[in-house]
């Protein structure tokens, strides 16, 4: 739609998405069991960020706690997860040269689920049973990625098809392990908690999760900016990329490691949330074209806003209960995915 538009038009779109993201953050903090005036939200955040009384406290301590302790860190992490999964999806699509690839194609989500479920349900185990849920999920995802890379990578020379097939096999193995652990766990409350996390949730997010999410996202963005030209070349085929002087093996290794770490960090905080890394990059590519320089900002901003609103919908649509965020993203993303599959000649930038 905007592939051949003027530079000023693309900048206007990015600026509009940035404003919409700010609006989404404010509304996400505002909407809930207790609605809080946006002016009060801004005042509370300003006072905490500056650690000064910039605005006189015309709000209750309960409102202060809701905004600063509960909702604001959750919104920040949700935005980072949305942007991070979108970026990981872009990496995976460039790696596999497949526009229908997503961040979980190498089975990272299954490993994260196993690690999280072990930390939740197997508390009697030494060491790993005592790990927090997010740490267990991170190590599970990391273990999966190492196994996939060692078995399927062949020292960085293995084909992407081999990596994907190995990822599918290991994903099935870890999924079976997760189901087995849930089956043999007698505590129904813990099982319910594990099942809720596996379908995606930001319910347990705290300020301690904000810094890791931001750091992982910044690292991912920095890598994407540095190798955006190489990713463009990779989409045209490995042989052509080599003719342009691209070190294909090195770029593939960078893509695998970065997307794995990015996905592992995000999944460890949010649980399994599907379709974000598939749908958002596709929409950005349709709007801006296949060139990563143009579509990256749109994908990052769009992914962040999409995830924030998915969390809002999950919180309010069946209030006072809360839906898993993964249910919302699946209901929105699955029909979109099926629509893409019906396009017989679907390809990058088309």
C-alpha atoms as a PDB file:
ATOM      1  CA  UNK A   1       0.000   0.000   0.000  1.00  0.00           C
ATOM      2  CA  UNK A   2       2.774   2.435   0.921  1.00  0.00           C
ATOM      3  CA  UNK A   3       5.645   0.544  -0.699  1.00  0.00           C
ATOM      4  CA  UNK A   4       6.217   3.281  -3.271  1.00  0.00           C
ATOM      5  CA  UNK A   5       4.944   6.191  -1.188  1.00  0.00           C
ATOM      6  CA  UNK A   6       6.986   9.288  -0.500  1.00  0.00           C
ATOM      7  CA  UNK A   7       9.385   9.311   2.432  1.00  0.00           C
ATOM      8  CA  UNK A   8       7.264  11.947   4.200  1.00  0.00           C
ATOM      9  CA  UNK A   9       4.194   9.688   3.945  1.00  0.00           C
ATOM     10  CA  UNK A  10       6.032   6.774   5.545  1.00  0.00           C
ATOM     11  CA  UNK A  11       7.325   9.044   8.307  1.00  0.00           C
ATOM     12  CA  UNK A  12       3.764  10.253   8.903  1.00  0.00           C
ATOM     13  CA  UNK A  13       2.584   6.651   9.272  1.00  0.00           C
ATOM     14  CA  UNK A  14       5.341   5.845  11.751  1.00  0.00           C
ATOM     15  CA  UNK A  15       4.546   9.024  13.696  1.00  0.00           C
ATOM     16  CA  UNK A  16       0.876   8.065  13.765  1.00  0.00           C
ATOM     17  CA  UNK A  17       1.722   4.586  15.067  1.00  0.00           C
ATOM     18  CA  UNK A  18       3.921   6.113  17.760  1.00  0.00           C
ATOM     19  CA  UNK A  19       1.083   8.395  18.896  1.00  0.00           C
ATOM     20  CA  UNK A  20      -1.296   5.440  18.855  1.00  0.00           C
ATOM     21  CA  UNK A  21       1.141   3.472  21.033  1.00  0.00           C
ATOM     22  CA  UNK A  22       1.215   6.289  23.589  1.00  0.00           C
ATOM     23  CA  UNK A  23      -2.592   6.442  23.480  1.00  0.00           C
ATOM     24  CA  UNK A  24      -2.738   2.656  23.928  1.00  0.00           C
ATOM     25  CA  UNK A  25      -0.455   2.811  26.979  1.00  0.00           C
ATOM     26  CA  UNK A  26      -2.609   5.476  28.648  1.00  0.00           C
ATOM     27  CA  UNK A  27      -5.869   3.662  27.877  1.00  0.00           C
ATOM     28  CA  UNK A  28      -4.487   0.319  29.053  1.00  0.00           C
ATOM     29  CA  UNK A  29      -3.568   1.862  32.400  1.00  0.00           C
ATOM     30  CA  UNK A  30      -6.951   3.605  32.561  1.00  0.00           C
ATOM     31  CA  UNK A  31      -9.207   0.650  31.735  1.00  0.00           C
ATOM     32  CA  UNK A  32      -9.893  -1.979  34.372  1.00  0.00           C
ATOM     33  CA  UNK A  33     -11.976  -2.792  37.414  1.00  0.00           C
ATOM     34  CA  UNK A  34     -11.106   0.729  38.632  1.00  0.00           C
ATOM     35  CA  UNK A  35     -11.061   3.388  35.912  1.00  0.00           C
ATOM     36  CA  UNK A  36      -8.549   6.164  36.574  1.00  0.00           C
ATOM     37  CA  UNK A  37      -8.513   9.598  34.947  1.00  0.00           C
ATOM     38  CA  UNK A  38      -5.677   9.938  32.368  1.00  0.00           C
ATOM     39  CA  UNK A  39      -4.581  13.196  34.034  1.00  0.00           C
ATOM     40  CA  UNK A  40      -4.093  11.337  37.323  1.00  0.00           C
ATOM     41  CA  UNK A  41      -2.220   8.574  35.499  1.00  0.00           C
ATOM     42  CA  UNK A  42       0.186  11.090  33.967  1.00  0.00           C
ATOM     43  CA  UNK A  43       0.689  12.819  37.332  1.00  0.00           C
ATOM     44  CA  UNK A  44       1.410   9.594  39.214  1.00  0.00           C
ATOM     45  CA  UNK A  45       3.906   8.405  36.587  1.00  0.00           C
ATOM     46  CA  UNK A  46       5.626  11.810  36.442  1.00  0.00           C
ATOM     47  CA  UNK A  47       6.035  11.913  40.228  1.00  0.00           C
ATOM     48  CA  UNK A  48       7.478   8.407  40.387  1.00  0.00           C
ATOM     49  CA  UNK A  49       9.815   8.839  37.413  1.00  0.00           C
ATOM     50  CA  UNK A  50      11.236  12.124  38.691  1.00  0.00           C
ATOM     51  CA  UNK A  51      11.047  11.055  42.362  1.00  0.00           C
ATOM     52  CA  UNK A  52       9.757  14.525  43.071  1.00  0.00           C
ATOM     53  CA  UNK A  53       6.383  16.043  43.809  1.00  0.00           C
ATOM     54  CA  UNK A  54       5.863  17.479  40.333  1.00  0.00           C
ATOM     55  CA  UNK A  55       2.094  17.328  40.855  1.00  0.00           C
ATOM     56  CA  UNK A  56       0.264  17.584  44.162  1.00  0.00           C
ATOM     57  CA  UNK A  57      -1.179  14.229  45.158  1.00  0.00           C
ATOM     58  CA  UNK A  58      -4.897  14.596  44.424  1.00  0.00           C
ATOM     59  CA  UNK A  59      -5.355  10.841  44.307  1.00  0.00           C
ATOM     60  CA  UNK A  60      -5.609   7.995  46.794  1.00  0.00           C
ATOM     61  CA  UNK A  61      -2.839   5.606  47.726  1.00  0.00           C
ATOM     62  CA  UNK A  62      -4.906   2.823  46.152  1.00  0.00           C
ATOM     63  CA  UNK A  63      -4.908   4.649  42.804  1.00  0.00           C
ATOM     64  CA  UNK A  64      -1.170   5.228  43.105  1.00  0.00           C
ATOM     65  CA  UNK A  65      -0.601   1.516  43.720  1.00  0.00           C
ATOM     66  CA  UNK A  66      -2.885   0.453  40.857  1.00  0.00           C
ATOM     67  CA  UNK A  67      -1.157   2.729  38.344  1.00  0.00           C
ATOM     68  CA  UNK A  68       2.485   2.409  39.374  1.00  0.00           C
ATOM     69  CA  UNK A  69       2.707  -1.068  40.904  1.00  0.00           C
ATOM     70  CA  UNK A  70       0.142  -3.064  38.952  1.00  0.00           C
ATOM     71  CA  UNK A  71      -0.775  -1.632  35.575  1.00  0.00           C
ATOM     72  CA  UNK A  72       2.192   0.433  34.362  1.00  0.00           C
ATOM     73  CA  UNK A  73       4.829  -2.351  34.517  1.00  0.00           C
ATOM     74  CA  UNK A  74       2.356  -4.778  32.936  1.00  0.00           C
ATOM     75  CA  UNK A  75       1.740  -2.397  30.024  1.00  0.00           C
ATOM     76  CA  UNK A  76       5.467  -1.829  29.481  1.00  0.00           C
ATOM     77  CA  UNK A  77       6.201  -5.558  29.432  1.00  0.00           C
ATOM     78  CA  UNK A  78       3.196  -6.267  27.177  1.00  0.00           C
ATOM     79  CA  UNK A  79       4.447  -3.665  24.703  1.00  0.00           C
ATOM     80  CA  UNK A  80       7.981  -5.097  24.799  1.00  0.00           C
ATOM     81  CA  UNK A  81       6.676  -8.647  24.316  1.00  0.00           C
ATOM     82  CA  UNK A  82       4.548  -7.598  21.343  1.00  0.00           C
ATOM     83  CA  UNK A  83       7.440  -5.764  19.709  1.00  0.00           C
ATOM     84  CA  UNK A  84       9.905  -8.522  20.622  1.00  0.00           C
ATOM     85  CA  UNK A  85       7.805 -11.354  19.195  1.00  0.00           C
ATOM     86  CA  UNK A  86       7.201  -9.320  16.024  1.00  0.00           C
ATOM     87  CA  UNK A  87      10.944  -8.793  15.668  1.00  0.00           C
ATOM     88  CA  UNK A  88      11.655 -12.468  16.307  1.00  0.00           C
ATOM     89  CA  UNK A  89       9.107 -13.296  13.620  1.00  0.00           C
ATOM     90  CA  UNK A  90      10.948 -11.059  11.162  1.00  0.00           C
ATOM     91  CA  UNK A  91      14.214 -12.818  12.009  1.00  0.00           C
ATOM     92  CA  UNK A  92      12.673 -16.257  11.515  1.00  0.00           C
ATOM     93  CA  UNK A  93      11.074 -15.277   8.214  1.00  0.00           C
ATOM     94  CA  UNK A  94      14.403 -13.967   6.941  1.00  0.00           C
ATOM     95  CA  UNK A  95      16.202 -17.098   8.157  1.00  0.00           C
ATOM     96  CA  UNK A  96      13.778 -19.554   6.545  1.00  0.00           C
ATOM     97  CA  UNK A  97      12.866 -17.327   3.584  1.00  0.00           C
ATOM     98  CA  UNK A  98       9.275 -18.195   4.481  1.00  0.00           C
ATOM     99  CA  UNK A  99       6.765 -15.387   5.150  1.00  0.00           C
ATOM    100  CA  UNK A 100       4.617 -17.807   7.166  1.00  0.00           C
ATOM    101  CA  UNK A 101       7.324 -18.542   9.756  1.00  0.00           C
ATOM    102  CA  UNK A 102       6.960 -17.294  13.323  1.00  0.00           C
ATOM    103  CA  UNK A 103       9.122 -17.063  16.499  1.00  0.00           C
ATOM    104  CA  UNK A 104       8.132 -20.529  17.681  1.00  0.00           C
ATOM    105  CA  UNK A 105       9.158 -22.392  14.536  1.00  0.00           C
ATOM    106  CA  UNK A 106      12.241 -23.898  16.225  1.00  0.00           C
ATOM    107  CA  UNK A 107      10.265 -25.248  19.178  1.00  0.00           C
ATOM    108  CA  UNK A 108      11.429 -22.585  21.644  1.00  0.00           C
ATOM    109  CA  UNK A 109       7.939 -22.164  23.091  1.00  0.00           C
ATOM    110  CA  UNK A 110       7.677 -25.860  23.944  1.00  0.00           C
ATOM    111  CA  UNK A 111      10.969 -25.753  25.828  1.00  0.00           C
ATOM    112  CA  UNK A 112       9.832 -22.652  27.700  1.00  0.00           C
ATOM    113  CA  UNK A 113       6.577 -24.366  28.644  1.00  0.00           C
ATOM    114  CA  UNK A 114       8.423 -27.376  30.020  1.00  0.00           C
ATOM    115  CA  UNK A 115      10.781 -25.209  32.077  1.00  0.00           C
ATOM    116  CA  UNK A 116       7.914 -23.137  33.460  1.00  0.00           C
ATOM    117  CA  UNK A 117       5.770 -26.158  34.274  1.00  0.00           C
ATOM    118  CA  UNK A 118       8.669 -27.843  36.086  1.00  0.00           C
ATOM    119  CA  UNK A 119       9.242 -24.730  38.210  1.00  0.00           C
ATOM    120  CA  UNK A 120       5.509 -24.490  38.946  1.00  0.00           C
ATOM    121  CA  UNK A 121       4.642 -28.120  39.582  1.00  0.00           C
ATOM    122  CA  UNK A 122       7.855 -29.869  40.609  1.00  0.00           C
ATOM    123  CA  UNK A 123       8.809 -27.826  43.648  1.00  0.00           C
ATOM    124  CA  UNK A 124      10.311 -30.844  45.408  1.00  0.00           C
ATOM    125  CA  UNK A 125      13.049 -31.242  42.789  1.00  0.00           C
ATOM    126  CA  UNK A 126      16.488 -29.945  43.798  1.00  0.00           C
ATOM    127  CA  UNK A 127      17.580 -26.671  42.213  1.00  0.00           C
ATOM    128  CA  UNK A 128      15.214 -26.477  39.210  1.00  0.00           C
ATOM    129  CA  UNK A 129      12.121 -27.027  41.331  1.00  0.00           C
ATOM    130  CA  UNK A 130      13.015 -23.938  43.344  1.00  0.00           C
ATOM    131  CA  UNK A 131      13.430 -21.633  40.327  1.00  0.00           C
ATOM    132  CA  UNK A 132      10.907 -18.830  39.717  1.00  0.00           C
ATOM    133  CA  UNK A 133       8.535 -19.468  36.811  1.00  0.00           C
ATOM    134  CA  UNK A 134      10.136 -16.907  34.493  1.00  0.00           C
ATOM    135  CA  UNK A 135      13.639 -18.288  35.154  1.00  0.00           C
ATOM    136  CA  UNK A 136      12.497 -21.863  34.552  1.00  0.00           C
ATOM    137  CA  UNK A 137      10.841 -20.829  31.272  1.00  0.00           C
ATOM    138  CA  UNK A 138      13.951 -18.981  30.149  1.00  0.00           C
ATOM    139  CA  UNK A 139      16.262 -21.928  30.786  1.00  0.00           C
ATOM    140  CA  UNK A 140      13.815 -24.306  29.105  1.00  0.00           C
ATOM    141  CA  UNK A 141      13.738 -22.121  25.993  1.00  0.00           C
ATOM    142  CA  UNK A 142      17.492 -21.750  26.046  1.00  0.00           C
ATOM    143  CA  UNK A 143      18.012 -25.518  26.346  1.00  0.00           C
ATOM    144  CA  UNK A 144      15.693 -26.098  23.383  1.00  0.00           C
ATOM    145  CA  UNK A 145      17.514 -23.599  21.191  1.00  0.00           C
ATOM    146  CA  UNK A 146      20.898 -25.117  22.060  1.00  0.00           C
ATOM    147  CA  UNK A 147      19.656 -28.610  21.187  1.00  0.00           C
ATOM    148  CA  UNK A 148      18.167 -27.429  17.898  1.00  0.00           C
ATOM    149  CA  UNK A 149      21.300 -25.548  16.947  1.00  0.00           C
ATOM    150  CA  UNK A 150      23.703 -28.350  17.940  1.00  0.00           C
ATOM    151  CA  UNK A 151      21.712 -31.143  16.279  1.00  0.00           C
ATOM    152  CA  UNK A 152      20.358 -29.267  13.277  1.00  0.00           C
ATOM    153  CA  UNK A 153      22.872 -26.503  12.779  1.00  0.00           C
ATOM    154  CA  UNK A 154      25.837 -28.627  11.748  1.00  0.00           C
ATOM    155  CA  UNK A 155      28.274 -25.917  12.826  1.00  0.00           C
ATOM    156  CA  UNK A 156      26.219 -23.210  11.139  1.00  0.00           C
ATOM    157  CA  UNK A 157      26.269 -25.064   7.791  1.00  0.00           C
ATOM    158  CA  UNK A 158      23.011 -26.942   8.182  1.00  0.00           C
ATOM    159  CA  UNK A 159      20.056 -26.032   5.997  1.00  0.00           C
ATOM    160  CA  UNK A 160      17.086 -24.127   7.373  1.00  0.00           C
ATOM    161  CA  UNK A 161      14.895 -27.121   6.481  1.00  0.00           C
ATOM    162  CA  UNK A 162      17.026 -29.324   8.752  1.00  0.00           C
ATOM    163  CA  UNK A 163      16.759 -26.772  11.569  1.00  0.00           C
ATOM    164  CA  UNK A 164      12.980 -26.596  11.242  1.00  0.00           C
ATOM    165  CA  UNK A 165      12.599 -30.392  11.178  1.00  0.00           C
ATOM    166  CA  UNK A 166      14.828 -30.790  14.232  1.00  0.00           C
ATOM    167  CA  UNK A 167      12.878 -27.999  15.930  1.00  0.00           C
ATOM    168  CA  UNK A 168       9.588 -29.787  15.248  1.00  0.00           C
ATOM    169  CA  UNK A 169      10.925 -33.048  16.678  1.00  0.00           C
ATOM    170  CA  UNK A 170      12.299 -31.420  19.830  1.00  0.00           C
ATOM    171  CA  UNK A 171       9.113 -29.377  20.180  1.00  0.00           C
ATOM    172  CA  UNK A 172       7.065 -32.578  20.171  1.00  0.00           C
ATOM    173  CA  UNK A 173       9.397 -34.111  22.760  1.00  0.00           C
ATOM    174  CA  UNK A 174       9.136 -31.171  25.149  1.00  0.00           C
ATOM    175  CA  UNK A 175       5.355 -30.920  24.625  1.00  0.00           C
ATOM    176  CA  UNK A 176       5.040 -34.571  25.606  1.00  0.00           C
ATOM    177  CA  UNK A 177       7.198 -33.960  28.690  1.00  0.00           C
ATOM    178  CA  UNK A 178       5.003 -31.004  29.672  1.00  0.00           C
ATOM    179  CA  UNK A 179       1.817 -33.054  29.301  1.00  0.00           C
ATOM    180  CA  UNK A 180       3.336 -35.876  31.353  1.00  0.00           C
ATOM    181  CA  UNK A 181       4.334 -33.530  34.187  1.00  0.00           C
ATOM    182  CA  UNK A 182       0.851 -32.000  34.255  1.00  0.00           C
ATOM    183  CA  UNK A 183      -0.759 -35.453  34.204  1.00  0.00           C
ATOM    184  CA  UNK A 184       1.207 -36.771  37.193  1.00  0.00           C
ATOM    185  CA  UNK A 185       0.809 -33.609  39.310  1.00  0.00           C
ATOM    186  CA  UNK A 186      -1.887 -34.116  41.988  1.00  0.00           C
ATOM    187  CA  UNK A 187      -2.291 -30.419  42.931  1.00  0.00           C
ATOM    188  CA  UNK A 188      -5.195 -29.146  40.787  1.00  0.00           C
ATOM    189  CA  UNK A 189      -4.548 -25.490  41.672  1.00  0.00           C
ATOM    190  CA  UNK A 190      -0.975 -25.654  40.429  1.00  0.00           C
ATOM    191  CA  UNK A 191      -2.106 -27.448  37.284  1.00  0.00           C
ATOM    192  CA  UNK A 192      -4.654 -24.694  36.607  1.00  0.00           C
ATOM    193  CA  UNK A 193      -1.978 -22.047  37.100  1.00  0.00           C
ATOM    194  CA  UNK A 194       0.352 -23.847  34.708  1.00  0.00           C
ATOM    195  CA  UNK A 195      -2.343 -24.242  32.047  1.00  0.00           C
ATOM    196  CA  UNK A 196      -3.244 -20.543  32.316  1.00  0.00           C
ATOM    197  CA  UNK A 197       0.398 -19.523  31.867  1.00  0.00           C
ATOM    198  CA  UNK A 198       0.805 -21.831  28.872  1.00  0.00           C
ATOM    199  CA  UNK A 199      -1.923 -19.913  27.017  1.00  0.00           C
ATOM    200  CA  UNK A 200      -0.333 -16.528  27.761  1.00  0.00           C
ATOM    201  CA  UNK A 201      -0.770 -14.126  30.659  1.00  0.00           C
ATOM    202  CA  UNK A 202       0.740 -10.936  32.066  1.00  0.00           C
ATOM    203  CA  UNK A 203      -0.957 -11.396  35.431  1.00  0.00           C
ATOM    204  CA  UNK A 204       2.272 -11.999  37.350  1.00  0.00           C
ATOM    205  CA  UNK A 205       4.329  -9.213  35.772  1.00  0.00           C
ATOM    206  CA  UNK A 206       6.167  -6.874  38.162  1.00  0.00           C
ATOM    207  CA  UNK A 207       8.760  -4.108  37.907  1.00  0.00           C
ATOM    208  CA  UNK A 208      11.522  -6.719  38.116  1.00  0.00           C
ATOM    209  CA  UNK A 209      10.445  -7.930  34.644  1.00  0.00           C
ATOM    210  CA  UNK A 210      10.630  -4.513  32.978  1.00  0.00           C
ATOM    211  CA  UNK A 211      14.412  -4.138  32.669  1.00  0.00           C
ATOM    212  CA  UNK A 212      15.065  -7.621  31.165  1.00  0.00           C
ATOM    213  CA  UNK A 213      12.258  -7.066  28.647  1.00  0.00           C
ATOM    214  CA  UNK A 214      13.604  -3.668  27.592  1.00  0.00           C
ATOM    215  CA  UNK A 215      17.213  -4.873  27.411  1.00  0.00           C
ATOM    216  CA  UNK A 216      16.283  -7.911  25.279  1.00  0.00           C
ATOM    217  CA  UNK A 217      14.226  -5.730  22.939  1.00  0.00           C
ATOM    218  CA  UNK A 218      16.970  -3.115  22.585  1.00  0.00           C
ATOM    219  CA  UNK A 219      19.531  -5.824  21.765  1.00  0.00           C
ATOM    220  CA  UNK A 220      17.181  -7.308  19.176  1.00  0.00           C
ATOM    221  CA  UNK A 221      16.548  -3.919  17.561  1.00  0.00           C
ATOM    222  CA  UNK A 222      20.278  -3.135  17.491  1.00  0.00           C
ATOM    223  CA  UNK A 223      21.020  -6.439  15.735  1.00  0.00           C
ATOM    224  CA  UNK A 224      18.180  -5.880  13.251  1.00  0.00           C
ATOM    225  CA  UNK A 225      19.460  -2.407  12.371  1.00  0.00           C
ATOM    226  CA  UNK A 226      23.016  -3.656  11.894  1.00  0.00           C
ATOM    227  CA  UNK A 227      22.118  -6.572   9.597  1.00  0.00           C
ATOM    228  CA  UNK A 228      19.014  -5.191   7.857  1.00  0.00           C
ATOM    229  CA  UNK A 229      20.781  -5.020   4.485  1.00  0.00           C
ATOM    230  CA  UNK A 230      22.031  -8.593   4.828  1.00  0.00           C
ATOM    231  CA  UNK A 231      18.502  -9.760   5.686  1.00  0.00           C
ATOM    232  CA  UNK A 232      17.209  -8.051   2.534  1.00  0.00           C
ATOM    233  CA  UNK A 233      19.783  -9.941   0.498  1.00  0.00           C
ATOM    234  CA  UNK A 234      18.983 -13.228   2.254  1.00  0.00           C
ATOM    235  CA  UNK A 235      15.341 -12.988   1.183  1.00  0.00           C
ATOM    236  CA  UNK A 236      16.436 -13.098  -2.454  1.00  0.00           C
ATOM    237  CA  UNK A 237      18.228 -16.422  -1.954  1.00  0.00           C
ATOM    238  CA  UNK A 238      21.480 -17.573  -0.421  1.00  0.00           C
ATOM    239  CA  UNK A 239      23.362 -17.785  -3.713  1.00  0.00           C
ATOM    240  CA  UNK A 240      22.461 -14.233  -4.679  1.00  0.00           C
ATOM    241  CA  UNK A 241      23.269 -13.015  -1.151  1.00  0.00           C
ATOM    242  CA  UNK A 242      26.734 -14.592  -1.433  1.00  0.00           C
ATOM    243  CA  UNK A 243      27.251 -12.773  -4.728  1.00  0.00           C
ATOM    244  CA  UNK A 244      26.564  -9.524  -2.892  1.00  0.00           C
ATOM    245  CA  UNK A 245      29.297 -10.384  -0.402  1.00  0.00           C
ATOM    246  CA  UNK A 246      27.047 -11.516   2.460  1.00  0.00           C
ATOM    247  CA  UNK A 247      28.506 -14.058   4.875  1.00  0.00           C
ATOM    248  CA  UNK A 248      25.399 -16.235   4.812  1.00  0.00           C
ATOM    249  CA  UNK A 249      26.558 -18.709   7.469  1.00  0.00           C
ATOM    250  CA  UNK A 250      27.396 -15.939   9.944  1.00  0.00           C
ATOM    251  CA  UNK A 251      24.128 -14.091   9.324  1.00  0.00           C
ATOM    252  CA  UNK A 252      22.151 -17.292   9.872  1.00  0.00           C
ATOM    253  CA  UNK A 253      23.948 -17.890  13.168  1.00  0.00           C
ATOM    254  CA  UNK A 254      23.247 -14.311  14.290  1.00  0.00           C
ATOM    255  CA  UNK A 255      19.570 -14.657  13.337  1.00  0.00           C
ATOM    256  CA  UNK A 256      19.188 -17.943  15.202  1.00  0.00           C
ATOM    257  CA  UNK A 257      20.929 -16.785  18.383  1.00  0.00           C
ATOM    258  CA  UNK A 258      19.244 -13.383  18.529  1.00  0.00           C
ATOM    259  CA  UNK A 259      15.737 -14.634  17.774  1.00  0.00           C
ATOM    260  CA  UNK A 260      16.155 -17.464  20.270  1.00  0.00           C
ATOM    261  CA  UNK A 261      17.296 -15.238  23.117  1.00  0.00           C
ATOM    262  CA  UNK A 262      14.636 -12.648  22.264  1.00  0.00           C
ATOM    263  CA  UNK A 263      11.856 -15.223  22.204  1.00  0.00           C
ATOM    264  CA  UNK A 264      13.132 -16.946  25.354  1.00  0.00           C
ATOM    265  CA  UNK A 265      13.085 -13.717  27.359  1.00  0.00           C
ATOM    266  CA  UNK A 266       9.653 -12.680  26.124  1.00  0.00           C
ATOM    267  CA  UNK A 267       8.064 -16.104  26.566  1.00  0.00           C
ATOM    268  CA  UNK A 268       9.485 -16.379  30.082  1.00  0.00           C
ATOM    269  CA  UNK A 269       7.437 -13.301  31.033  1.00  0.00           C
ATOM    270  CA  UNK A 270       4.245 -13.771  29.053  1.00  0.00           C
ATOM    271  CA  UNK A 271       3.781 -17.468  28.494  1.00  0.00           C
ATOM    272  CA  UNK A 272       2.913 -18.853  25.076  1.00  0.00           C
ATOM    273  CA  UNK A 273       1.311 -16.159  22.913  1.00  0.00           C
ATOM    274  CA  UNK A 274       0.927 -17.148  19.299  1.00  0.00           C
ATOM    275  CA  UNK A 275       0.329 -15.408  15.970  1.00  0.00           C
ATOM    276  CA  UNK A 276       1.869 -12.046  16.938  1.00  0.00           C
ATOM    277  CA  UNK A 277       5.187 -12.829  15.278  1.00  0.00           C
ATOM    278  CA  UNK A 278       3.345 -14.124  12.227  1.00  0.00           C
ATOM    279  CA  UNK A 279       0.595 -11.566  11.625  1.00  0.00           C
ATOM    280  CA  UNK A 280       2.293  -8.287  12.558  1.00  0.00           C
ATOM    281  CA  UNK A 281       5.369  -8.680  10.282  1.00  0.00           C
ATOM    282  CA  UNK A 282       3.045  -9.659   7.430  1.00  0.00           C
ATOM    283  CA  UNK A 283       0.931  -6.524   7.844  1.00  0.00           C
ATOM    284  CA  UNK A 284       4.046  -4.341   8.098  1.00  0.00           C
ATOM    285  CA  UNK A 285       5.476  -5.941   4.965  1.00  0.00           C
ATOM    286  CA  UNK A 286       2.236  -5.393   3.057  1.00  0.00           C
ATOM    287  CA  UNK A 287       2.201  -1.742   4.069  1.00  0.00           C
ATOM    288  CA  UNK A 288       5.855  -0.850   3.624  1.00  0.00           C
ATOM    289  CA  UNK A 289       7.329  -3.512   1.352  1.00  0.00           C
ATOM    290  CA  UNK A 290       9.919  -6.197   2.029  1.00  0.00           C
ATOM    291  CA  UNK A 291      12.835  -3.824   2.749  1.00  0.00           C
ATOM    292  CA  UNK A 292      13.593  -4.178   6.456  1.00  0.00           C
ATOM    293  CA  UNK A 293      14.647  -0.541   6.824  1.00  0.00           C
ATOM    294  CA  UNK A 294      11.084   0.519   6.009  1.00  0.00           C
ATOM    295  CA  UNK A 295       9.052  -2.207   7.671  1.00  0.00           C
ATOM    296  CA  UNK A 296      10.913  -2.675  10.964  1.00  0.00           C
ATOM    297  CA  UNK A 297       9.555   0.471  12.708  1.00  0.00           C
ATOM    298  CA  UNK A 298       5.996  -0.361  11.630  1.00  0.00           C
ATOM    299  CA  UNK A 299       6.293  -3.952  12.857  1.00  0.00           C
ATOM    300  CA  UNK A 300       7.762  -2.928  16.220  1.00  0.00           C
ATOM    301  CA  UNK A 301       5.197  -0.196  16.934  1.00  0.00           C
ATOM    302  CA  UNK A 302       2.322  -2.273  15.590  1.00  0.00           C
ATOM    303  CA  UNK A 303       3.334  -5.337  17.590  1.00  0.00           C
ATOM    304  CA  UNK A 304       3.582  -3.344  20.812  1.00  0.00           C
ATOM    305  CA  UNK A 305       0.147  -1.739  20.349  1.00  0.00           C
ATOM    306  CA  UNK A 306      -1.450  -5.028  19.303  1.00  0.00           C
ATOM    307  CA  UNK A 307      -0.215  -6.826  22.406  1.00  0.00           C
ATOM    308  CA  UNK A 308      -1.266  -4.017  24.739  1.00  0.00           C
ATOM    309  CA  UNK A 309      -4.820  -4.064  23.385  1.00  0.00           C
ATOM    310  CA  UNK A 310      -4.919  -7.867  23.435  1.00  0.00           C
ATOM    311  CA  UNK A 311      -4.112  -7.705  27.151  1.00  0.00           C
ATOM    312  CA  UNK A 312      -6.807  -5.046  27.701  1.00  0.00           C
ATOM    313  CA  UNK A 313      -9.417  -7.199  25.946  1.00  0.00           C
ATOM    314  CA  UNK A 314      -8.324 -10.237  27.955  1.00  0.00           C
ATOM    315  CA  UNK A 315      -8.794  -8.279  31.190  1.00  0.00           C
ATOM    316  CA  UNK A 316     -12.191  -6.696  30.502  1.00  0.00           C
ATOM    317  CA  UNK A 317     -14.186  -8.977  28.197  1.00  0.00           C
ATOM    318  CA  UNK A 318     -15.090 -11.481  30.942  1.00  0.00           C
ATOM    319  CA  UNK A 319     -14.409  -9.252  33.992  1.00  0.00           C
ATOM    320  CA  UNK A 320     -13.915  -9.837  36.878  1.00  0.00           C
ATOM    321  CA  UNK A 321     -12.263 -12.976  35.447  1.00  0.00           C
ATOM    322  CA  UNK A 322      -9.323 -12.690  33.027  1.00  0.00           C
ATOM    323  CA  UNK A 323      -8.876 -14.532  29.756  1.00  0.00           C
ATOM    324  CA  UNK A 324      -5.450 -15.812  28.726  1.00  0.00           C
ATOM    325  CA  UNK A 325      -3.928 -13.317  26.292  1.00  0.00           C
ATOM    326  CA  UNK A 326      -3.039 -16.164  23.940  1.00  0.00           C
ATOM    327  CA  UNK A 327      -6.751 -16.840  23.443  1.00  0.00           C
ATOM    328  CA  UNK A 328      -7.320 -13.275  22.248  1.00  0.00           C
ATOM    329  CA  UNK A 329      -4.333 -13.278  19.872  1.00  0.00           C
ATOM    330  CA  UNK A 330      -5.352 -16.678  18.487  1.00  0.00           C
ATOM    331  CA  UNK A 331      -8.924 -15.547  17.843  1.00  0.00           C
ATOM    332  CA  UNK A 332      -7.581 -12.539  15.969  1.00  0.00           C
ATOM    333  CA  UNK A 333      -4.591 -14.203  14.310  1.00  0.00           C
ATOM    334  CA  UNK A 334      -5.898 -17.617  13.255  1.00  0.00           C
ATOM    335  CA  UNK A 335      -8.468 -16.312  10.729  1.00  0.00           C
ATOM    336  CA  UNK A 336      -5.805 -13.982   9.355  1.00  0.00           C
ATOM    337  CA  UNK A 337      -3.380 -16.897   9.015  1.00  0.00           C
ATOM    338  CA  UNK A 338      -5.965 -18.977   7.152  1.00  0.00           C
ATOM    339  CA  UNK A 339      -6.620 -16.058   4.821  1.00  0.00           C
ATOM    340  CA  UNK A 340      -2.900 -15.881   4.006  1.00  0.00           C
ATOM    341  CA  UNK A 341      -2.768 -19.616   3.310  1.00  0.00           C
ATOM    342  CA  UNK A 342      -5.541 -19.254   0.730  1.00  0.00           C
ATOM    343  CA  UNK A 343      -3.324 -16.947  -1.311  1.00  0.00           C
ATOM    344  CA  UNK A 344      -1.774 -19.420  -3.713  1.00  0.00           C
ATOM    345  CA  UNK A 345       1.085 -17.138  -4.811  1.00  0.00           C
ATOM    346  CA  UNK A 346       1.904 -15.538  -1.473  1.00  0.00           C
ATOM    347  CA  UNK A 347       5.520 -14.381  -1.212  1.00  0.00           C
ATOM    348  CA  UNK A 348       7.618 -11.644   0.355  1.00  0.00           C
ATOM    349  CA  UNK A 349       6.394  -8.184  -0.531  1.00  0.00           C
ATOM    350  CA  UNK A 350       3.441  -9.432  -2.610  1.00  0.00           C
END
